[in-house]
Amino acid sequence: MTIKVERAYAETVREWIDPFTCPTNTVLTGRSHYGDEDAPTTYYCSFVHAVVHAAPETAL
């Protein structure tokens, strides 16, 4: 099984004013913030997929 993370959305908000929620069916996968508590914060949301690989066939 492989876990695939596909970035789907990013938004920069003023954290002290604007609450942030990822869009439906995505999860929070990152955040960046520079400066003091009044500086904006960027949030990153992604789709997360589990990819199941088929077992290799064996020769008889």
PDB file of N, CA and C in Angstrom:
ATOM      1  N   MET A   1       0.853  -1.170   0.000  1.00  0.00           N
ATOM      2  CA  MET A   1       0.000   0.000   0.000  1.00  0.00           C
ATOM      3  C   MET A   1       0.900   1.235   0.000  1.00  0.00           C
ATOM      4  N   THR A   2       0.475   2.211  -0.754  1.00  0.00           N
ATOM      5  CA  THR A   2       1.166   3.492  -0.802  1.00  0.00           C
ATOM      6  C   THR A   2       0.178   4.581  -0.408  1.00  0.00           C
ATOM      7  N   ILE A   3       0.631   5.508   0.417  1.00  0.00           N
ATOM      8  CA  ILE A   3      -0.197   6.652   0.780  1.00  0.00           C
ATOM      9  C   ILE A   3       0.211   7.808  -0.127  1.00  0.00           C
ATOM     10  N   LYS A   4      -0.743   8.365  -0.854  1.00  0.00           N
ATOM     11  CA  LYS A   4      -0.478   9.469  -1.770  1.00  0.00           C
ATOM     12  C   LYS A   4      -1.135  10.734  -1.221  1.00  0.00           C
ATOM     13  N   VAL A   5      -0.344  11.790  -1.091  1.00  0.00           N
ATOM     14  CA  VAL A   5      -0.846  13.082  -0.616  1.00  0.00           C
ATOM     15  C   VAL A   5      -0.798  14.050  -1.792  1.00  0.00           C
ATOM     16  N   GLU A   6      -1.946  14.586  -2.146  1.00  0.00           N
ATOM     17  CA  GLU A   6      -2.072  15.477  -3.303  1.00  0.00           C
ATOM     18  C   GLU A   6      -2.588  16.832  -2.831  1.00  0.00           C
ATOM     19  N   ARG A   7      -1.708  17.835  -2.873  1.00  0.00           N
ATOM     20  CA  ARG A   7      -2.116  19.163  -2.402  1.00  0.00           C
ATOM     21  C   ARG A   7      -3.267  19.680  -3.261  1.00  0.00           C
ATOM     22  N   ALA A   8      -4.302  20.154  -2.594  1.00  0.00           N
ATOM     23  CA  ALA A   8      -5.507  20.565  -3.299  1.00  0.00           C
ATOM     24  C   ALA A   8      -5.844  22.037  -3.094  1.00  0.00           C
ATOM     25  N   TYR A   9      -5.338  22.637  -2.002  1.00  0.00           N
ATOM     26  CA  TYR A   9      -5.812  23.975  -1.665  1.00  0.00           C
ATOM     27  C   TYR A   9      -4.822  24.647  -0.718  1.00  0.00           C
ATOM     28  N   ALA A  10      -4.647  25.919  -0.881  1.00  0.00           N
ATOM     29  CA  ALA A  10      -3.853  26.724   0.053  1.00  0.00           C
ATOM     30  C   ALA A  10      -4.533  28.076   0.205  1.00  0.00           C
ATOM     31  N   GLU A  11      -4.474  28.595   1.414  1.00  0.00           N
ATOM     32  CA  GLU A  11      -5.070  29.909   1.665  1.00  0.00           C
ATOM     33  C   GLU A  11      -4.275  30.624   2.742  1.00  0.00           C
ATOM     34  N   THR A  12      -4.057  31.911   2.533  1.00  0.00           N
ATOM     35  CA  THR A  12      -3.383  32.734   3.527  1.00  0.00           C
ATOM     36  C   THR A  12      -4.433  33.582   4.231  1.00  0.00           C
ATOM     37  N   VAL A  13      -4.429  33.513   5.563  1.00  0.00           N
ATOM     38  CA  VAL A  13      -5.435  34.235   6.349  1.00  0.00           C
ATOM     39  C   VAL A  13      -4.761  34.995   7.484  1.00  0.00           C
ATOM     40  N   ARG A  14      -5.476  35.972   7.991  1.00  0.00           N
ATOM     41  CA  ARG A  14      -5.052  36.665   9.210  1.00  0.00           C
ATOM     42  C   ARG A  14      -5.586  35.836  10.366  1.00  0.00           C
ATOM     43  N   GLU A  15      -4.720  35.077  10.977  1.00  0.00           N
ATOM     44  CA  GLU A  15      -5.133  34.064  11.951  1.00  0.00           C
ATOM     45  C   GLU A  15      -5.922  34.642  13.117  1.00  0.00           C
ATOM     46  N   TRP A  16      -5.602  35.852  13.516  1.00  0.00           N
ATOM     47  CA  TRP A  16      -6.286  36.434  14.675  1.00  0.00           C
ATOM     48  C   TRP A  16      -7.693  36.911  14.345  1.00  0.00           C
ATOM     49  N   ILE A  17      -8.038  36.965  13.047  1.00  0.00           N
ATOM     50  CA  ILE A  17      -9.367  37.435  12.649  1.00  0.00           C
ATOM     51  C   ILE A  17     -10.166  36.336  11.938  1.00  0.00           C
ATOM     52  N   ASP A  18      -9.512  35.625  11.011  1.00  0.00           N
ATOM     53  CA  ASP A  18     -10.202  34.682  10.130  1.00  0.00           C
ATOM     54  C   ASP A  18      -9.948  33.234  10.540  1.00  0.00           C
ATOM     55  N   PRO A  19     -10.949  32.547  11.070  1.00  0.00           N
ATOM     56  CA  PRO A  19     -10.748  31.121  11.350  1.00  0.00           C
ATOM     57  C   PRO A  19     -10.581  30.362  10.033  1.00  0.00           C
ATOM     58  N   PHE A  20      -9.877  29.245  10.057  1.00  0.00           N
ATOM     59  CA  PHE A  20      -9.637  28.503   8.830  1.00  0.00           C
ATOM     60  C   PHE A  20     -10.107  27.065   8.974  1.00  0.00           C
ATOM     61  N   THR A  21     -10.774  26.569   7.935  1.00  0.00           N
ATOM     62  CA  THR A  21     -11.191  25.175   7.839  1.00  0.00           C
ATOM     63  C   THR A  21     -10.877  24.685   6.435  1.00  0.00           C
ATOM     64  N   CYS A  22     -10.294  23.502   6.339  1.00  0.00           N
ATOM     65  CA  CYS A  22     -10.023  22.930   5.015  1.00  0.00           C
ATOM     66  C   CYS A  22     -11.340  22.610   4.319  1.00  0.00           C
ATOM     67  N   PRO A  23     -11.347  22.638   2.979  1.00  0.00           N
ATOM     68  CA  PRO A  23     -12.551  22.259   2.246  1.00  0.00           C
ATOM     69  C   PRO A  23     -12.945  20.798   2.513  1.00  0.00           C
ATOM     70  N   THR A  24     -14.175  20.465   2.224  1.00  0.00           N
ATOM     71  CA  THR A  24     -14.694  19.116   2.407  1.00  0.00           C
ATOM     72  C   THR A  24     -13.813  18.090   1.703  1.00  0.00           C
ATOM     73  N   ASN A  25     -13.604  16.963   2.353  1.00  0.00           N
ATOM     74  CA  ASN A  25     -12.837  15.823   1.838  1.00  0.00           C
ATOM     75  C   ASN A  25     -11.344  16.096   1.698  1.00  0.00           C
ATOM     76  N   THR A  26     -10.830  17.132   2.367  1.00  0.00           N
ATOM     77  CA  THR A  26      -9.393  17.368   2.414  1.00  0.00           C
ATOM     78  C   THR A  26      -8.966  17.434   3.873  1.00  0.00           C
ATOM     79  N   VAL A  27      -7.663  17.271   4.111  1.00  0.00           N
ATOM     80  CA  VAL A  27      -7.132  17.348   5.471  1.00  0.00           C
ATOM     81  C   VAL A  27      -6.006  18.371   5.510  1.00  0.00           C
ATOM     82  N   LEU A  28      -5.786  18.948   6.680  1.00  0.00           N
ATOM     83  CA  LEU A  28      -4.722  19.917   6.864  1.00  0.00           C
ATOM     84  C   LEU A  28      -3.385  19.187   6.832  1.00  0.00           C
ATOM     85  N   THR A  29      -2.503  19.569   5.898  1.00  0.00           N
ATOM     86  CA  THR A  29      -1.213  18.891   5.759  1.00  0.00           C
ATOM     87  C   THR A  29      -0.032  19.839   5.932  1.00  0.00           C
ATOM     88  N   GLY A  30      -0.278  21.113   6.141  1.00  0.00           N
ATOM     89  CA  GLY A  30       0.839  22.018   6.352  1.00  0.00           C
ATOM     90  C   GLY A  30       0.387  23.403   6.747  1.00  0.00           C
ATOM     91  N   ARG A  31       1.352  24.138   7.290  1.00  0.00           N
ATOM     92  CA  ARG A  31       1.074  25.502   7.721  1.00  0.00           C
ATOM     93  C   ARG A  31       2.393  26.251   7.699  1.00  0.00           C
ATOM     94  N   SER A  32       2.372  27.495   7.248  1.00  0.00           N
ATOM     95  CA  SER A  32       3.579  28.319   7.331  1.00  0.00           C
ATOM     96  C   SER A  32       3.206  29.677   7.895  1.00  0.00           C
ATOM     97  N   HIS A  33       4.124  30.213   8.685  1.00  0.00           N
ATOM     98  CA  HIS A  33       3.871  31.482   9.356  1.00  0.00           C
ATOM     99  C   HIS A  33       5.211  32.152   9.602  1.00  0.00           C
ATOM    100  N   TYR A  34       5.320  33.397   9.212  1.00  0.00           N
ATOM    101  CA  TYR A  34       6.540  34.171   9.447  1.00  0.00           C
ATOM    102  C   TYR A  34       6.147  35.456  10.144  1.00  0.00           C
ATOM    103  N   GLY A  35       6.943  35.874  11.076  1.00  0.00           N
ATOM    104  CA  GLY A  35       6.655  37.122  11.771  1.00  0.00           C
ATOM    105  C   GLY A  35       6.027  36.887  13.129  1.00  0.00           C
ATOM    106  N   ASP A  36       5.431  37.920  13.662  1.00  0.00           N
ATOM    107  CA  ASP A  36       4.823  37.831  14.986  1.00  0.00           C
ATOM    108  C   ASP A  36       3.392  37.302  14.896  1.00  0.00           C
ATOM    109  N   GLU A  37       2.677  37.372  15.996  1.00  0.00           N
ATOM    110  CA  GLU A  37       1.314  36.831  16.031  1.00  0.00           C
ATOM    111  C   GLU A  37       0.340  37.587  15.142  1.00  0.00           C
ATOM    112  N   ASP A  38       0.712  38.766  14.664  1.00  0.00           N
ATOM    113  CA  ASP A  38      -0.165  39.530  13.787  1.00  0.00           C
ATOM    114  C   ASP A  38       0.090  39.270  12.304  1.00  0.00           C
ATOM    115  N   ALA A  39       1.101  38.487  11.978  1.00  0.00           N
ATOM    116  CA  ALA A  39       1.422  38.194  10.576  1.00  0.00           C
ATOM    117  C   ALA A  39       0.467  37.122  10.038  1.00  0.00           C
ATOM    118  N   PRO A  40       0.241  37.104   8.726  1.00  0.00           N
ATOM    119  CA  PRO A  40      -0.662  36.104   8.142  1.00  0.00           C
ATOM    120  C   PRO A  40      -0.072  34.697   8.192  1.00  0.00           C
ATOM    121  N   THR A  41      -0.958  33.712   8.164  1.00  0.00           N
ATOM    122  CA  THR A  41      -0.590  32.300   8.182  1.00  0.00           C
ATOM    123  C   THR A  41      -1.151  31.644   6.924  1.00  0.00           C
ATOM    124  N   THR A  42      -0.355  30.800   6.285  1.00  0.00           N
ATOM    125  CA  THR A  42      -0.813  30.053   5.118  1.00  0.00           C
ATOM    126  C   THR A  42      -1.073  28.607   5.531  1.00  0.00           C
ATOM    127  N   TYR A  43      -2.239  28.110   5.174  1.00  0.00           N
ATOM    128  CA  TYR A  43      -2.622  26.727   5.461  1.00  0.00           C
ATOM    129  C   TYR A  43      -2.675  25.940   4.156  1.00  0.00           C
ATOM    130  N   TYR A  44      -2.264  24.680   4.213  1.00  0.00           N
ATOM    131  CA  TYR A  44      -2.250  23.801   3.041  1.00  0.00           C
ATOM    132  C   TYR A  44      -3.138  22.594   3.323  1.00  0.00           C
ATOM    133  N   CYS A  45      -4.050  22.314   2.402  1.00  0.00           N
ATOM    134  CA  CYS A  45      -4.970  21.190   2.538  1.00  0.00           C
ATOM    135  C   CYS A  45      -4.749  20.227   1.375  1.00  0.00           C
ATOM    136  N   SER A  46      -4.890  18.940   1.650  1.00  0.00           N
ATOM    137  CA  SER A  46      -4.615  17.931   0.623  1.00  0.00           C
ATOM    138  C   SER A  46      -5.645  16.815   0.655  1.00  0.00           C
ATOM    139  N   PHE A  47      -5.750  16.150  -0.497  1.00  0.00           N
ATOM    140  CA  PHE A  47      -6.456  14.875  -0.558  1.00  0.00           C
ATOM    141  C   PHE A  47      -5.452  13.807  -0.143  1.00  0.00           C
ATOM    142  N   VAL A  48      -5.885  12.816   0.599  1.00  0.00           N
ATOM    143  CA  VAL A  48      -5.018  11.703   0.987  1.00  0.00           C
ATOM    144  C   VAL A  48      -5.651  10.433   0.447  1.00  0.00           C
ATOM    145  N   HIS A  49      -4.878   9.686  -0.355  1.00  0.00           N
ATOM    146  CA  HIS A  49      -5.371   8.468  -0.988  1.00  0.00           C
ATOM    147  C   HIS A  49      -4.521   7.291  -0.546  1.00  0.00           C
ATOM    148  N   ALA A  50      -5.150   6.165  -0.297  1.00  0.00           N
ATOM    149  CA  ALA A  50      -4.430   4.917  -0.064  1.00  0.00           C
ATOM    150  C   ALA A  50      -4.507   4.117  -1.365  1.00  0.00           C
ATOM    151  N   VAL A  51      -3.353   3.813  -1.930  1.00  0.00           N
ATOM    152  CA  VAL A  51      -3.284   3.060  -3.176  1.00  0.00           C
ATOM    153  C   VAL A  51      -2.849   1.646  -2.833  1.00  0.00           C
ATOM    154  N   VAL A  52      -3.727   0.697  -3.103  1.00  0.00           N
ATOM    155  CA  VAL A  52      -3.431  -0.703  -2.804  1.00  0.00           C
ATOM    156  C   VAL A  52      -2.856  -1.347  -4.056  1.00  0.00           C
ATOM    157  N   HIS A  53      -1.704  -1.978  -3.908  1.00  0.00           N
ATOM    158  CA  HIS A  53      -1.031  -2.622  -5.028  1.00  0.00           C
ATOM    159  C   HIS A  53      -1.403  -4.099  -5.070  1.00  0.00           C
ATOM    160  N   ALA A  54      -1.677  -4.599  -6.254  1.00  0.00           N
ATOM    161  CA  ALA A  54      -2.020  -6.007  -6.410  1.00  0.00           C
ATOM    162  C   ALA A  54      -0.790  -6.861  -6.148  1.00  0.00           C
ATOM    163  N   ALA A  55      -1.028  -8.023  -5.579  1.00  0.00           N
ATOM    164  CA  ALA A  55       0.071  -8.958  -5.323  1.00  0.00           C
ATOM    165  C   ALA A  55       0.589  -9.479  -6.674  1.00  0.00           C
ATOM    166  N   PRO A  56       1.900  -9.651  -6.804  1.00  0.00           N
ATOM    167  CA  PRO A  56       2.430 -10.167  -8.071  1.00  0.00           C
ATOM    168  C   PRO A  56       1.975 -11.601  -8.307  1.00  0.00           C
ATOM    169  N   GLU A  57       1.707 -11.926  -9.573  1.00  0.00           N
ATOM    170  CA  GLU A  57       1.300 -13.292  -9.907  1.00  0.00           C
ATOM    171  C   GLU A  57       2.513 -14.202  -9.829  1.00  0.00           C
ATOM    172  N   THR A  58       2.269 -15.410  -9.410  1.00  0.00           N
ATOM    173  CA  THR A  58       3.381 -16.383  -9.349  1.00  0.00           C
ATOM    174  C   THR A  58       3.279 -17.365 -10.500  1.00  0.00           C
ATOM    175  N   ALA A  59       4.408 -17.733 -11.048  1.00  0.00           N
ATOM    176  CA  ALA A  59       4.428 -18.688 -12.170  1.00  0.00           C
ATOM    177  C   ALA A  59       4.273 -20.106 -11.629  1.00  0.00           C
ATOM    178  N   LEU A  60       3.544 -20.919 -12.348  1.00  0.00           N
ATOM    179  CA  LEU A  60       3.352 -22.316 -11.927  1.00  0.00           C
ATOM    180  C   LEU A  60       4.260 -23.217 -12.714  1.00  0.00           C
TER     181      LEU A  60
END
